[in-house]
Amino acid sequence: MRQAKPDVIWASNPHLFAGLSGLLLAKLFHKRYFFEVRDLWSQTFVDLGDFDDRSMAIRILRVLEKLLYRHARKIIVLMPKADDYIKGLGIDQEKIIHIPPSVNLDFFANSDVNLPETLQKVVMDVKSAGKLIIGYTGAHGIADVLDTVIDAAKILQEKNVNDVYLMLVGNGTEKERLVARAKELGLTNIDFFGAIPKNAIPAFLASMDAGIVCKQNSPLYNYGVNFIKTFDYMACAKPIVWAVDSVNNPVKDAECGLTIPPENAHEMVKAIMILARMGDEERKAMGAKGFNYVTKYHENKALAKKIEEVFMA
C-alpha cells in the first residue's frame, strides 16, 4: 500500500464494506473516489432477507450506505432504475451514471479449456442419449429459488418427458438442501455440480441447448436487474427461460428466449417444452438474437471506454 500510487479509487459493492474500504483508501491517498453499485444494499436485506426496515442493523447500514454515496465523485449503477432508489436517499441525480454489465466476448469465443472430467462425462452421456440440456450456472441461494427448477423437473418426469435433462452448476447456501430434495423426490432428469473454474464456463455453456435465469418474486427488482449469467448465455448464443419479474427484461428486448412468471414451475415446464419442441435451427436463431444484443449493448471494450470517460471527467 505504501508503494501504490493510484490515480483514482474505484470500489464495487458486493457488500457495503467493500465500498467503505474504497472510501478509506481514497482518504489515505487523497484521491477521487468512485462507487460502483452492483446490488442495492441495504434494501436487498429488506426485500430478499426479510429484515425489518426499522431494525437497528438496517438503520446502521443505511447510514453507511448514504455516507458512501455522499462521498463518491460519481456513482456507477448497473441496474437501469437504481437511480430512483439512490435519489430517494437524498443523493443528487447528477452523480449517478448508468453503465450496464459488460461481457468479454473474446473470452467466450477463444476459450479452449475443457470441462472437469466428471461433468464432461455426464454431458457426453446426456448428449449421446439424444437429450437436450437445459442449464443453470451461478449461485444456489435463497433469492435464486431453484426449488422452481426442481419442481419443473418433477413435473417433466411425471409427464414422461425423457428428452430433457436439467443441469445446475454452482454453489451456495441452498445447494446441499436442493441436492437432498431432488434425491428425495427420486428425480432422474436433473443433476447438480459444484462450481467450475471460470475459464471452463464457456465449455459448459457451449454444451447447453438453453439456459435458465430465475429469481424470487421481489419488489427489489423494480429497480432493474443485472444478472451476469444472462449475458454469458447470450454471449454463447443460447436461448433463455427468463423467470424474473423486473422492470427491465433483456431477454424480451433481445427476443432471445421465453419470459415466464417467477416461482411458477408449471410455466417453466411449458417454456422448456416449447424450446424442446423447436428444431435445432430455430433454437440457434433465437440464441443468435441474444448474441447480437449483447454485442451491441454489452461489449466489454465499448463499456470500458465509458468508464474511462467517467474517471477522466
Protein backbone atom coordinates (compact mmCIF):
# COMPACT_ATOMS: atom_id res chain seq x y z
CA MET A 1 0.00 0.00 0.00
CA ARG A 2 2.86 2.40 0.73
CA GLN A 3 4.22 1.82 -2.77
CA ALA A 4 0.87 2.16 -4.56
CA LYS A 5 0.21 5.38 -6.44
CA PRO A 6 -3.38 5.20 -7.71
CA ASP A 7 -4.98 8.00 -9.68
CA VAL A 8 -8.50 7.11 -8.56
CA ILE A 9 -10.09 4.61 -6.20
CA TRP A 10 -12.93 2.55 -7.70
CA ALA A 11 -14.90 0.47 -5.21
CA SER A 12 -17.51 -2.10 -6.24
CA ASN A 13 -20.14 -3.30 -3.80
CA PRO A 14 -20.65 -7.00 -3.48
CA HIS A 15 -21.34 -5.59 0.01
CA LEU A 16 -21.13 -2.13 1.59
CA PHE A 17 -17.90 -2.83 3.45
CA ALA A 18 -16.08 -3.10 0.12
CA GLY A 19 -17.31 0.42 -0.54
CA LEU A 20 -16.10 1.53 2.88
CA SER A 21 -12.65 0.06 2.19
CA GLY A 22 -12.54 2.05 -1.05
CA LEU A 23 -13.52 5.26 0.71
CA LEU A 24 -10.85 4.80 3.37
CA LEU A 25 -8.22 4.18 0.69
CA ALA A 26 -9.34 7.29 -1.18
CA LYS A 27 -8.89 9.32 2.00
CA LEU A 28 -5.49 7.72 2.63
CA PHE A 29 -4.19 8.52 -0.86
CA HIS A 30 -6.12 11.81 -1.21
CA LYS A 31 -7.65 10.61 -4.47
CA ARG A 32 -11.06 10.75 -6.07
CA TYR A 33 -13.48 8.02 -5.01
CA PHE A 34 -15.91 6.27 -7.37
CA PHE A 35 -18.53 3.84 -6.12
CA GLU A 36 -19.98 1.10 -8.33
CA VAL A 37 -23.37 -0.23 -7.22
CA ARG A 38 -23.98 -3.84 -8.23
CA ASP A 39 -26.59 -4.55 -5.56
CA LEU A 40 -28.82 -2.19 -3.61
CA TRP A 41 -27.55 -2.80 -0.12
CA SER A 42 -29.13 -2.41 2.35
CA GLN A 43 -32.50 -2.69 0.56
CA THR A 44 -31.55 -6.21 -0.52
CA PHE A 45 -31.67 -7.35 3.13
CA VAL A 46 -35.17 -5.91 3.47
CA ASP A 47 -36.68 -7.23 0.23
CA LEU A 48 -34.91 -10.59 0.00
CA GLY A 49 -33.74 -11.29 3.53
CA ASP A 50 -36.92 -10.39 5.43
CA PHE A 51 -35.14 -7.84 7.63
CA ASP A 52 -37.33 -5.18 9.25
CA ASP A 53 -36.71 -1.82 7.59
CA ARG A 54 -36.73 -0.24 11.06
CA SER A 55 -34.31 -2.71 12.67
CA MET A 56 -31.09 -1.41 14.18
CA ALA A 57 -28.95 -3.40 11.71
CA ILE A 58 -30.70 -1.87 8.69
CA ARG A 59 -30.59 1.62 10.17
CA ILE A 60 -26.83 1.32 10.68
CA LEU A 61 -26.34 0.05 7.13
CA ARG A 62 -28.45 2.92 5.78
CA VAL A 63 -26.10 5.39 7.48
CA LEU A 64 -23.09 3.67 5.89
CA GLU A 65 -24.84 3.49 2.52
CA LYS A 66 -25.62 7.23 2.49
CA LEU A 67 -22.07 8.02 3.61
CA LEU A 68 -20.60 6.13 0.65
CA TYR A 69 -22.99 7.77 -1.81
CA ARG A 70 -22.30 11.26 -0.49
CA HIS A 71 -18.52 10.93 -0.69
CA ALA A 72 -18.41 9.34 -4.14
CA ARG A 73 -17.33 11.58 -7.01
CA LYS A 74 -19.65 9.54 -9.23
CA ILE A 75 -21.93 6.58 -8.54
CA ILE A 76 -21.90 3.97 -11.30
CA VAL A 77 -25.05 1.83 -11.27
CA LEU A 78 -25.61 -1.37 -13.25
CA MET A 79 -29.40 -1.50 -12.84
CA PRO A 80 -31.35 0.89 -15.11
CA LYS A 81 -33.66 2.22 -12.36
CA ALA A 82 -31.24 2.18 -9.44
CA ASP A 83 -31.10 5.95 -9.60
CA ASP A 84 -34.72 6.07 -8.36
CA TYR A 85 -33.65 4.27 -5.20
CA ILE A 86 -30.48 6.32 -4.66
CA LYS A 87 -32.24 9.64 -5.28
CA GLY A 88 -34.74 8.60 -2.62
CA LEU A 89 -31.87 8.68 -0.13
CA GLY A 90 -31.26 12.35 -0.87
CA ILE A 91 -28.43 11.89 -3.39
CA ASP A 92 -28.08 14.26 -6.38
CA GLN A 93 -29.14 12.71 -9.70
CA GLU A 94 -26.11 14.30 -11.40
CA LYS A 95 -23.77 11.98 -9.50
CA ILE A 96 -25.45 8.81 -10.80
CA ILE A 97 -24.39 7.18 -14.08
CA HIS A 98 -25.89 4.00 -15.53
CA ILE A 99 -23.36 1.69 -17.20
CA PRO A 100 -24.70 -1.85 -17.75
CA PRO A 101 -22.68 -5.04 -17.15
CA SER A 102 -20.09 -5.82 -19.78
CA VAL A 103 -19.15 -9.10 -21.43
CA ASN A 104 -15.75 -10.10 -22.75
CA LEU A 105 -16.84 -11.73 -25.99
CA ASP A 106 -13.26 -12.77 -26.81
CA PHE A 107 -13.21 -14.84 -23.61
CA PHE A 108 -16.17 -16.93 -24.79
CA ALA A 109 -15.06 -17.11 -28.42
CA ASN A 110 -11.47 -18.19 -27.79
CA SER A 111 -11.67 -20.38 -24.69
CA ASP A 112 -10.18 -23.85 -25.19
CA VAL A 113 -10.50 -25.10 -21.61
CA ASN A 114 -12.35 -28.40 -21.18
CA LEU A 115 -14.91 -29.22 -18.53
CA PRO A 116 -13.89 -31.11 -15.39
CA GLU A 117 -13.83 -34.83 -16.21
CA THR A 118 -16.91 -35.81 -14.16
CA LEU A 119 -19.06 -33.06 -15.65
CA GLN A 120 -17.76 -33.74 -19.15
CA LYS A 121 -18.76 -37.40 -18.88
CA VAL A 122 -22.32 -36.55 -17.84
CA VAL A 123 -22.63 -34.05 -20.70
CA MET A 124 -21.43 -36.63 -23.21
CA ASP A 125 -23.77 -39.30 -21.83
CA VAL A 126 -26.77 -36.94 -21.95
CA LYS A 127 -25.94 -35.79 -25.49
CA SER A 128 -25.39 -39.34 -26.74
CA ALA A 129 -28.85 -40.22 -25.41
CA GLY A 130 -30.30 -37.51 -27.63
CA LYS A 131 -31.44 -35.30 -24.76
CA LEU A 132 -31.49 -31.51 -24.62
CA ILE A 133 -29.52 -29.87 -21.82
CA ILE A 134 -31.29 -27.04 -20.04
CA GLY A 135 -28.62 -25.44 -17.89
CA TYR A 136 -28.22 -23.10 -14.97
CA THR A 137 -24.96 -21.56 -13.76
CA GLY A 138 -24.27 -19.46 -10.70
CA ALA A 139 -25.36 -19.03 -7.12
CA HIS A 140 -27.62 -21.52 -5.36
CA GLY A 141 -29.06 -19.11 -2.80
CA ILE A 142 -32.44 -18.20 -1.35
CA ALA A 143 -33.01 -15.47 -3.95
CA ASP A 144 -32.41 -17.93 -6.80
CA VAL A 145 -35.48 -20.05 -5.93
CA LEU A 146 -34.06 -23.17 -7.56
CA ASP A 147 -36.84 -25.19 -5.98
CA THR A 148 -38.80 -23.98 -9.00
CA VAL A 149 -36.36 -25.83 -11.27
CA ILE A 150 -36.64 -28.97 -9.13
CA ASP A 151 -40.44 -28.75 -9.25
CA ALA A 152 -40.26 -28.35 -13.03
CA ALA A 153 -38.04 -31.46 -13.24
CA LYS A 154 -40.59 -33.37 -11.17
CA ILE A 155 -43.45 -32.36 -13.47
CA LEU A 156 -41.43 -33.30 -16.57
CA GLN A 157 -40.62 -36.71 -15.08
CA GLU A 158 -44.26 -37.31 -14.18
CA LYS A 159 -45.20 -36.42 -17.76
CA ASN A 160 -42.64 -38.95 -19.03
CA VAL A 161 -40.73 -36.25 -20.90
CA ASN A 162 -37.49 -38.14 -21.44
CA ASP A 163 -35.63 -35.91 -23.87
CA VAL A 164 -34.86 -33.04 -21.48
CA TYR A 165 -32.12 -33.00 -18.83
CA LEU A 166 -31.59 -30.20 -16.30
CA MET A 167 -28.02 -29.43 -15.20
CA LEU A 168 -27.20 -26.91 -12.45
CA VAL A 169 -23.62 -25.78 -11.88
CA GLY A 170 -22.55 -23.66 -8.92
CA ASN A 171 -22.55 -23.41 -5.14
CA GLY A 172 -24.45 -21.55 -2.46
CA THR A 173 -26.20 -21.72 0.88
CA GLU A 174 -29.12 -23.71 -0.55
CA LYS A 175 -27.07 -26.21 -2.55
CA GLU A 176 -26.99 -29.05 -0.02
CA ARG A 177 -30.72 -28.82 0.66
CA LEU A 178 -31.58 -28.67 -3.04
CA VAL A 179 -29.49 -31.74 -3.85
CA ALA A 180 -31.11 -33.65 -0.98
CA ARG A 181 -34.60 -32.64 -2.10
CA ALA A 182 -34.04 -33.75 -5.69
CA LYS A 183 -32.73 -37.07 -4.41
CA GLU A 184 -35.69 -37.48 -2.05
CA LEU A 185 -38.08 -36.93 -4.96
CA GLY A 186 -36.28 -39.63 -6.94
CA LEU A 187 -35.61 -37.34 -9.89
CA THR A 188 -33.50 -38.80 -12.67
CA ASN A 189 -33.68 -35.86 -15.07
CA ILE A 190 -31.74 -33.30 -13.03
CA ASP A 191 -28.18 -33.16 -11.77
CA PHE A 192 -26.15 -30.77 -9.60
CA PHE A 193 -22.46 -29.96 -9.93
CA GLY A 194 -20.16 -27.77 -7.89
CA ALA A 195 -18.68 -24.53 -9.17
CA ILE A 196 -16.22 -24.95 -12.01
CA PRO A 197 -13.26 -22.72 -12.92
CA LYS A 198 -14.33 -19.53 -14.66
CA ASN A 199 -12.33 -20.40 -17.76
CA ALA A 200 -14.34 -23.64 -18.07
CA ILE A 201 -17.70 -21.83 -18.09
CA PRO A 202 -17.67 -21.32 -21.90
CA ALA A 203 -17.32 -25.07 -22.40
CA PHE A 204 -20.37 -25.78 -20.24
CA LEU A 205 -22.45 -23.04 -21.86
CA ALA A 206 -21.49 -24.42 -25.26
CA SER A 207 -22.90 -27.81 -24.21
CA MET A 208 -26.26 -26.32 -23.19
CA ASP A 209 -29.23 -26.08 -25.51
CA ALA A 210 -30.86 -23.36 -23.38
CA GLY A 211 -30.30 -21.58 -20.08
CA ILE A 212 -32.46 -20.61 -17.11
CA VAL A 213 -32.48 -17.34 -15.18
CA CYS A 214 -34.79 -17.39 -12.16
CA LYS A 215 -35.24 -15.18 -9.09
CA GLN A 216 -37.65 -14.60 -6.24
CA ASN A 217 -40.72 -12.50 -6.86
CA SER A 218 -39.49 -9.37 -5.09
CA PRO A 219 -40.08 -5.59 -5.19
CA LEU A 220 -36.29 -5.20 -5.23
CA TYR A 221 -36.30 -5.89 -8.96
CA ASN A 222 -38.46 -2.83 -9.61
CA TYR A 223 -35.12 -1.02 -9.81
CA GLY A 224 -33.88 -3.35 -12.55
CA VAL A 225 -31.60 -6.37 -12.71
CA ASN A 226 -28.11 -7.08 -14.00
CA PHE A 227 -27.62 -10.84 -13.73
CA ILE A 228 -24.27 -11.63 -15.35
CA LYS A 229 -25.35 -15.17 -16.27
CA THR A 230 -27.93 -13.67 -18.64
CA PHE A 231 -25.25 -12.00 -20.72
CA ASP A 232 -22.99 -15.05 -20.51
CA TYR A 233 -25.80 -17.14 -22.01
CA MET A 234 -26.27 -14.52 -24.71
CA ALA A 235 -22.54 -14.43 -25.46
CA CYS A 236 -22.78 -18.15 -26.19
CA ALA A 237 -25.93 -17.67 -28.29
CA LYS A 238 -28.17 -19.76 -26.04
CA PRO A 239 -31.96 -19.26 -25.76
CA ILE A 240 -33.07 -18.28 -22.26
CA VAL A 241 -36.00 -19.07 -20.00
CA TRP A 242 -36.42 -15.81 -18.05
CA ALA A 243 -38.31 -16.34 -14.78
CA VAL A 244 -37.90 -12.89 -13.26
CA ASP A 245 -40.42 -10.10 -12.65
CA SER A 246 -38.30 -7.00 -13.17
CA VAL A 247 -38.63 -3.52 -14.58
CA ASN A 248 -36.17 -4.44 -17.35
CA ASN A 249 -36.09 -7.66 -19.33
CA PRO A 250 -33.06 -8.09 -21.61
CA VAL A 251 -34.38 -11.44 -22.86
CA LYS A 252 -37.60 -9.83 -24.07
CA ASP A 253 -35.70 -6.87 -25.52
CA ALA A 254 -33.39 -9.19 -27.44
CA GLU A 255 -36.19 -11.63 -28.37
CA CYS A 256 -33.81 -14.43 -27.42
CA GLY A 257 -35.98 -16.53 -25.15
CA LEU A 258 -39.22 -17.01 -23.27
CA THR A 259 -40.44 -14.92 -20.33
CA ILE A 260 -42.48 -16.58 -17.58
CA PRO A 261 -43.68 -15.53 -14.10
CA PRO A 262 -41.20 -16.18 -11.28
CA GLU A 263 -41.62 -19.12 -8.91
CA ASN A 264 -44.01 -20.92 -11.27
CA ALA A 265 -42.88 -24.46 -12.10
CA HIS A 266 -45.79 -25.18 -14.45
CA GLU A 267 -44.97 -22.15 -16.61
CA MET A 268 -41.31 -23.15 -16.57
CA VAL A 269 -42.28 -26.59 -17.86
CA LYS A 270 -44.31 -25.00 -20.66
CA ALA A 271 -41.35 -22.84 -21.67
CA ILE A 272 -38.94 -25.78 -21.58
CA MET A 273 -41.31 -27.84 -23.70
CA ILE A 274 -41.59 -25.06 -26.28
CA LEU A 275 -37.80 -24.92 -26.57
CA ALA A 276 -37.54 -28.71 -26.64
CA ARG A 277 -40.03 -28.99 -29.50
CA MET A 278 -38.23 -26.40 -31.61
CA GLY A 279 -35.84 -27.57 -34.26
CA ASP A 280 -32.12 -27.01 -33.74
CA GLU A 281 -32.04 -24.21 -36.30
CA GLU A 282 -34.93 -22.38 -34.65
CA ARG A 283 -33.23 -22.53 -31.25
CA LYS A 284 -29.98 -21.35 -32.79
CA ALA A 285 -31.75 -18.44 -34.46
CA MET A 286 -33.28 -17.43 -31.15
CA GLY A 287 -29.92 -17.66 -29.40
CA ALA A 288 -28.27 -15.65 -32.17
CA LYS A 289 -30.56 -12.72 -31.37
CA GLY A 290 -29.17 -12.71 -27.85
CA PHE A 291 -25.61 -12.72 -29.19
CA ASN A 292 -26.38 -9.75 -31.43
CA TYR A 293 -27.95 -7.91 -28.49
CA VAL A 294 -25.05 -8.45 -26.10
CA THR A 295 -22.58 -7.47 -28.83
CA LYS A 296 -24.43 -4.21 -29.41
CA TYR A 297 -25.13 -3.16 -25.81
CA HIS A 298 -22.73 -5.02 -23.51
CA GLU A 299 -19.43 -5.43 -25.34
CA ASN A 300 -16.54 -5.12 -22.90
CA LYS A 301 -14.29 -2.66 -24.72
CA ALA A 302 -17.05 -0.16 -25.55
CA LEU A 303 -18.28 -0.01 -21.96
CA ALA A 304 -14.71 0.23 -20.66
CA LYS A 305 -14.37 3.44 -22.67
CA LYS A 306 -17.48 4.83 -20.95
CA ILE A 307 -15.99 4.08 -17.54
CA GLU A 308 -12.73 5.69 -18.60
CA GLU A 309 -14.63 8.83 -19.59
CA VAL A 310 -16.24 8.92 -16.13
CA PHE A 311 -12.84 8.67 -14.45
CA MET A 312 -11.26 11.32 -16.68
CA ALA A 313 -14.06 13.89 -16.34
